[in-house]
């Protein structure tokens, strides 16, 4: 009976050692996962900031494109008015010449 009891205690001791090693392995794996999780959360936070920055930049680009389009439209209109003004100046000069000729 003593031998059987010693064998039982020995088996329990071996099982305890196995469980202890398994526990240590699980703790190590948990620590590694925890570290990786923290790294991924930090990366996710950085990515969220990048997404916000990109969205803001897209809005700025849209506003700049609108401003450029308005400026181009205004420049085209100004060119048209300038050409019309030159035409009116020529016409006025011609009318003055005709007026001067009639008065002479």
N, C-alpha and C. Protein backbone atom coordinates (compact mmCIF):
# COMPACT_ATOMS: atom_id res chain seq x y z
N UNK A 1 0.83 -1.19 0.00
CA UNK A 1 0.00 0.00 0.00
C UNK A 1 0.87 1.25 0.00
N UNK A 2 1.95 1.24 0.71
CA UNK A 2 2.86 2.38 0.76
C UNK A 2 3.48 2.62 -0.61
N UNK A 3 3.83 1.56 -1.29
CA UNK A 3 4.40 1.67 -2.63
C UNK A 3 3.40 2.28 -3.59
N UNK A 4 2.17 1.80 -3.47
CA UNK A 4 1.11 2.32 -4.34
C UNK A 4 0.88 3.81 -4.05
N UNK A 5 0.93 4.15 -2.78
CA UNK A 5 0.72 5.54 -2.38
C UNK A 5 1.87 6.41 -2.89
N UNK A 6 3.09 5.92 -2.82
CA UNK A 6 4.26 6.65 -3.32
C UNK A 6 4.17 6.83 -4.83
N UNK A 7 3.71 5.81 -5.51
CA UNK A 7 3.55 5.92 -6.96
C UNK A 7 2.48 6.95 -7.30
N UNK A 8 1.42 6.98 -6.54
CA UNK A 8 0.34 7.94 -6.75
C UNK A 8 0.83 9.37 -6.52
N UNK A 9 1.59 9.55 -5.43
CA UNK A 9 2.14 10.87 -5.12
C UNK A 9 3.12 11.29 -6.21
N UNK A 10 3.94 10.33 -6.65
CA UNK A 10 4.90 10.62 -7.72
C UNK A 10 4.18 11.03 -9.00
N UNK A 11 3.12 10.32 -9.34
CA UNK A 11 2.34 10.63 -10.54
C UNK A 11 1.71 12.03 -10.41
N UNK A 12 1.19 12.31 -9.21
CA UNK A 12 0.61 13.62 -8.98
C UNK A 12 1.67 14.72 -9.09
N UNK A 13 2.85 14.45 -8.61
CA UNK A 13 3.95 15.40 -8.67
C UNK A 13 4.34 15.67 -10.13
N UNK A 14 4.40 14.59 -10.92
CA UNK A 14 4.71 14.76 -12.33
C UNK A 14 3.62 15.57 -13.04
N UNK A 15 2.40 15.25 -12.72
CA UNK A 15 1.26 15.98 -13.32
C UNK A 15 1.31 17.44 -12.91
N UNK A 16 1.65 17.72 -11.65
CA UNK A 16 1.77 19.09 -11.17
C UNK A 16 2.87 19.83 -11.92
N UNK A 17 3.99 19.14 -12.14
CA UNK A 17 5.10 19.76 -12.87
C UNK A 17 4.70 20.04 -14.32
N UNK A 18 3.99 19.11 -14.94
CA UNK A 18 3.51 19.32 -16.30
C UNK A 18 2.57 20.52 -16.37
N UNK A 19 1.65 20.56 -15.42
CA UNK A 19 0.70 21.69 -15.38
C UNK A 19 1.43 23.01 -15.13
N UNK A 20 2.44 22.97 -14.30
CA UNK A 20 3.21 24.17 -14.00
C UNK A 20 3.93 24.67 -15.26
N UNK A 21 4.52 23.72 -16.02
CA UNK A 21 5.20 24.10 -17.27
C UNK A 21 4.18 24.65 -18.28
N UNK A 22 3.04 23.99 -18.36
CA UNK A 22 1.99 24.45 -19.27
C UNK A 22 1.51 25.84 -18.86
N UNK A 23 1.38 26.03 -17.57
CA UNK A 23 0.94 27.35 -17.05
C UNK A 23 1.97 28.43 -17.41
N UNK A 24 3.25 28.11 -17.23
CA UNK A 24 4.30 29.07 -17.57
C UNK A 24 4.27 29.39 -19.07
N UNK A 25 4.04 28.36 -19.89
CA UNK A 25 3.94 28.58 -21.33
C UNK A 25 2.76 29.45 -21.69
N UNK A 26 1.64 29.22 -21.03
CA UNK A 26 0.45 30.04 -21.28
C UNK A 26 0.66 31.49 -20.84
N UNK A 27 1.35 31.66 -19.71
CA UNK A 27 1.64 33.03 -19.25
C UNK A 27 2.53 33.75 -20.25
N UNK A 28 3.53 33.04 -20.78
CA UNK A 28 4.44 33.63 -21.77
C UNK A 28 3.67 34.00 -23.04
N UNK A 29 2.81 33.09 -23.49
CA UNK A 29 2.00 33.35 -24.68
C UNK A 29 1.06 34.53 -24.44
N UNK A 30 0.48 34.59 -23.26
CA UNK A 30 -0.41 35.70 -22.92
C UNK A 30 0.34 37.03 -22.95
N UNK A 31 1.55 37.03 -22.41
CA UNK A 31 2.35 38.25 -22.40
C UNK A 31 2.68 38.69 -23.83
N UNK A 32 3.05 37.71 -24.67
CA UNK A 32 3.35 38.03 -26.07
C UNK A 32 2.12 38.58 -26.78
N UNK A 33 0.97 37.97 -26.55
CA UNK A 33 -0.27 38.44 -27.17
C UNK A 33 -0.64 39.83 -26.66
N UNK A 34 -0.44 40.05 -25.39
CA UNK A 34 -0.74 41.35 -24.80
C UNK A 34 0.13 42.44 -25.42
N UNK A 35 1.42 42.13 -25.58
CA UNK A 35 2.34 43.09 -26.20
C UNK A 35 1.92 43.37 -27.64
N UNK A 36 1.61 42.31 -28.38
CA UNK A 36 1.19 42.47 -29.77
C UNK A 36 -0.11 43.26 -29.87
N UNK A 37 -1.03 42.99 -28.96
CA UNK A 37 -2.30 43.71 -28.96
C UNK A 37 -2.07 45.20 -28.72
N UNK A 38 -1.19 45.53 -27.80
CA UNK A 38 -0.89 46.93 -27.53
C UNK A 38 -0.27 47.59 -28.77
N UNK A 39 0.63 46.89 -29.44
CA UNK A 39 1.25 47.43 -30.65
C UNK A 39 0.19 47.69 -31.72
N UNK A 40 -0.73 46.74 -31.89
CA UNK A 40 -1.77 46.90 -32.90
C UNK A 40 -2.72 48.04 -32.55
N UNK A 41 -3.02 48.20 -31.25
CA UNK A 41 -3.89 49.31 -30.84
C UNK A 41 -3.21 50.65 -31.11
N UNK A 42 -1.91 50.73 -30.84
CA UNK A 42 -1.17 51.97 -31.12
C UNK A 42 -1.16 52.26 -32.62
N UNK A 43 -0.95 51.21 -33.41
CA UNK A 43 -0.96 51.38 -34.86
C UNK A 43 -2.33 51.82 -35.34
N UNK A 44 -3.37 51.24 -34.78
CA UNK A 44 -4.73 51.61 -35.15
C UNK A 44 -5.00 53.07 -34.81
N UNK A 45 -4.52 53.53 -33.67
CA UNK A 45 -4.70 54.93 -33.29
C UNK A 45 -3.98 55.86 -34.28
N UNK A 46 -2.77 55.46 -34.69
CA UNK A 46 -2.04 56.27 -35.67
C UNK A 46 -2.79 56.29 -36.99
N UNK A 47 -3.30 55.14 -37.40
CA UNK A 47 -4.03 55.07 -38.66
C UNK A 47 -5.28 55.94 -38.63
N UNK A 48 -5.94 55.95 -37.51
CA UNK A 48 -7.15 56.78 -37.38
C UNK A 48 -6.78 58.26 -37.56
N UNK A 49 -5.64 58.66 -37.00
CA UNK A 49 -5.20 60.05 -37.17
C UNK A 49 -4.86 60.32 -38.64
N UNK A 50 -4.25 59.35 -39.30
CA UNK A 50 -3.91 59.52 -40.71
C UNK A 50 -5.17 59.65 -41.56
N UNK A 51 -6.17 58.86 -41.24
CA UNK A 51 -7.43 58.92 -41.99
C UNK A 51 -8.06 60.31 -41.82
N UNK A 52 -8.05 60.82 -40.61
CA UNK A 52 -8.59 62.15 -40.35
C UNK A 52 -7.81 63.21 -41.13
N UNK A 53 -6.50 63.09 -41.12
CA UNK A 53 -5.65 64.03 -41.84
C UNK A 53 -5.93 63.99 -43.34
N UNK A 54 -6.07 62.79 -43.88
CA UNK A 54 -6.35 62.65 -45.31
C UNK A 54 -7.71 63.27 -45.65
N UNK A 55 -8.70 63.06 -44.81
CA UNK A 55 -10.01 63.64 -45.06
C UNK A 55 -9.94 65.16 -45.05
N UNK A 56 -9.19 65.72 -44.10
CA UNK A 56 -9.03 67.17 -44.04
C UNK A 56 -8.31 67.68 -45.28
N UNK A 57 -7.29 66.96 -45.72
CA UNK A 57 -6.56 67.36 -46.91
C UNK A 57 -7.44 67.30 -48.14
N UNK A 58 -8.31 66.30 -48.22
CA UNK A 58 -9.23 66.19 -49.35
C UNK A 58 -10.18 67.39 -49.37
N UNK A 59 -10.64 67.82 -48.21
CA UNK A 59 -11.52 68.99 -48.14
C UNK A 59 -10.79 70.24 -48.60
N UNK A 60 -9.54 70.39 -48.17
CA UNK A 60 -8.75 71.55 -48.57
C UNK A 60 -8.53 71.53 -50.08
N UNK A 61 -8.22 70.38 -50.63
CA UNK A 61 -8.00 70.25 -52.07
C UNK A 61 -9.26 70.62 -52.84
N UNK A 62 -10.42 70.16 -52.36
CA UNK A 62 -11.68 70.50 -53.02
C UNK A 62 -11.90 72.02 -53.01
N UNK A 63 -11.62 72.66 -51.88
CA UNK A 63 -11.79 74.11 -51.79
C UNK A 63 -10.83 74.82 -52.74
N UNK A 64 -9.59 74.34 -52.80
CA UNK A 64 -8.62 74.94 -53.71
C UNK A 64 -9.03 74.77 -55.17
N UNK A 65 -9.56 73.60 -55.49
CA UNK A 65 -10.03 73.36 -56.86
C UNK A 65 -11.18 74.31 -57.20
N UNK A 66 -12.10 74.51 -56.26
CA UNK A 66 -13.21 75.45 -56.47
C UNK A 66 -12.68 76.87 -56.68
N UNK A 67 -11.70 77.25 -55.85
CA UNK A 67 -11.13 78.59 -55.97
C UNK A 67 -10.44 78.77 -57.31
N UNK A 68 -9.72 77.74 -57.75
CA UNK A 68 -9.04 77.82 -59.04
C UNK A 68 -10.04 77.91 -60.18
N UNK A 69 -11.11 77.16 -60.09
CA UNK A 69 -12.13 77.19 -61.13
C UNK A 69 -12.79 78.57 -61.21
N UNK A 70 -13.08 79.15 -60.04
CA UNK A 70 -13.66 80.51 -60.02
C UNK A 70 -12.69 81.52 -60.59
N UNK A 71 -11.41 81.40 -60.22
CA UNK A 71 -10.40 82.33 -60.72
C UNK A 71 -10.26 82.20 -62.23
N UNK A 72 -10.30 80.98 -62.74
CA UNK A 72 -10.20 80.77 -64.18
C UNK A 72 -11.41 81.37 -64.90
N UNK A 73 -12.58 81.16 -64.32
CA UNK A 73 -13.80 81.73 -64.91
C UNK A 73 -13.72 83.25 -64.92
N UNK A 74 -13.27 83.83 -63.81
CA UNK A 74 -13.14 85.29 -63.74
C UNK A 74 -12.11 85.80 -64.73
N UNK A 75 -11.02 85.04 -64.89
CA UNK A 75 -9.98 85.45 -65.85
C UNK A 75 -10.53 85.42 -67.27
N UNK A 76 -11.32 84.39 -67.59
CA UNK A 76 -11.93 84.31 -68.93
C UNK A 76 -12.89 85.47 -69.16
N UNK A 77 -13.68 85.76 -68.12
CA UNK A 77 -14.62 86.89 -68.23
C UNK A 77 -13.87 88.20 -68.40
N UNK A 78 -12.79 88.37 -67.64
CA UNK A 78 -12.00 89.60 -67.73
C UNK A 78 -11.38 89.73 -69.12
N UNK A 79 -10.91 88.62 -69.68
CA UNK A 79 -10.33 88.65 -71.02
C UNK A 79 -11.38 89.07 -72.03
N UNK A 80 -12.59 88.51 -71.88
CA UNK A 80 -13.68 88.87 -72.78
C UNK A 80 -14.03 90.35 -72.66
N UNK A 81 -14.07 90.87 -71.43
CA UNK A 81 -14.37 92.29 -71.23
C UNK A 81 -13.26 93.17 -71.78
N UNK A 82 -12.03 92.72 -71.64
CA UNK A 82 -10.89 93.48 -72.15
C UNK A 82 -10.96 93.57 -73.67
N UNK A 83 -11.26 92.43 -74.31
CA UNK A 83 -11.38 92.43 -75.76
C UNK A 83 -12.54 93.31 -76.20
N UNK A 84 -13.64 93.26 -75.47
CA UNK A 84 -14.80 94.10 -75.79
C UNK A 84 -14.43 95.57 -75.61
N UNK A 85 -13.65 95.86 -74.54
CA UNK A 85 -13.22 97.23 -74.30
C UNK A 85 -12.33 97.74 -75.43
N UNK A 86 -11.42 96.91 -75.91
CA UNK A 86 -10.58 97.30 -77.05
C UNK A 86 -11.43 97.58 -78.28
N UNK A 87 -12.42 96.74 -78.50
CA UNK A 87 -13.33 96.93 -79.64
C UNK A 87 -14.07 98.25 -79.51
N UNK A 88 -14.55 98.55 -78.29
CA UNK A 88 -15.26 99.81 -78.07
C UNK A 88 -14.33 101.01 -78.24
N UNK A 89 -13.08 100.88 -77.81
CA UNK A 89 -12.12 101.97 -77.99
C UNK A 89 -11.87 102.24 -79.46
N UNK A 90 -11.73 101.18 -80.25
CA UNK A 90 -11.53 101.35 -81.70
C UNK A 90 -12.75 102.03 -82.33
N UNK A 91 -13.92 101.56 -81.89
CA UNK A 91 -15.16 102.13 -82.43
C UNK A 91 -15.27 103.61 -82.04
N UNK A 92 -14.91 103.94 -80.78
CA UNK A 92 -14.97 105.33 -80.33
C UNK A 92 -13.99 106.19 -81.12
N UNK A 93 -12.80 105.67 -81.35
CA UNK A 93 -11.78 106.39 -82.12
C UNK A 93 -12.29 106.66 -83.53
N UNK A 94 -12.93 105.64 -84.11
CA UNK A 94 -13.47 105.78 -85.47
C UNK A 94 -14.57 106.84 -85.51
N UNK A 95 -15.45 106.79 -84.47
CA UNK A 95 -16.54 107.78 -84.41
C UNK A 95 -15.97 109.18 -84.23
N UNK A 96 -14.93 109.34 -83.41
CA UNK A 96 -14.31 110.65 -83.21
C UNK A 96 -13.69 111.15 -84.51
N UNK A 97 -13.05 110.24 -85.22
CA UNK A 97 -12.46 110.63 -86.50
C UNK A 97 -13.53 111.08 -87.49
N UNK A 98 -14.62 110.33 -87.53
CA UNK A 98 -15.73 110.69 -88.41
C UNK A 98 -16.32 112.03 -87.98
N UNK A 99 -16.44 112.24 -86.66
CA UNK A 99 -16.97 113.49 -86.15
C UNK A 99 -16.07 114.66 -86.52
N UNK A 100 -14.76 114.43 -86.38
CA UNK A 100 -13.80 115.47 -86.72
C UNK A 100 -13.86 115.77 -88.22
N UNK A 101 -14.02 114.75 -89.02
CA UNK A 101 -14.08 114.94 -90.47
C UNK A 101 -15.34 115.72 -90.83
N UNK A 102 -16.43 115.44 -90.15
CA UNK A 102 -17.68 116.13 -90.45
C UNK A 102 -17.62 117.60 -90.01
N UNK A 103 -16.89 117.86 -88.97
CA UNK A 103 -16.79 119.24 -88.45
C UNK A 103 -15.83 120.07 -89.28
N UNK A 104 -14.95 119.44 -89.99
CA UNK A 104 -13.97 120.19 -90.76
C UNK A 104 -14.49 120.69 -92.09
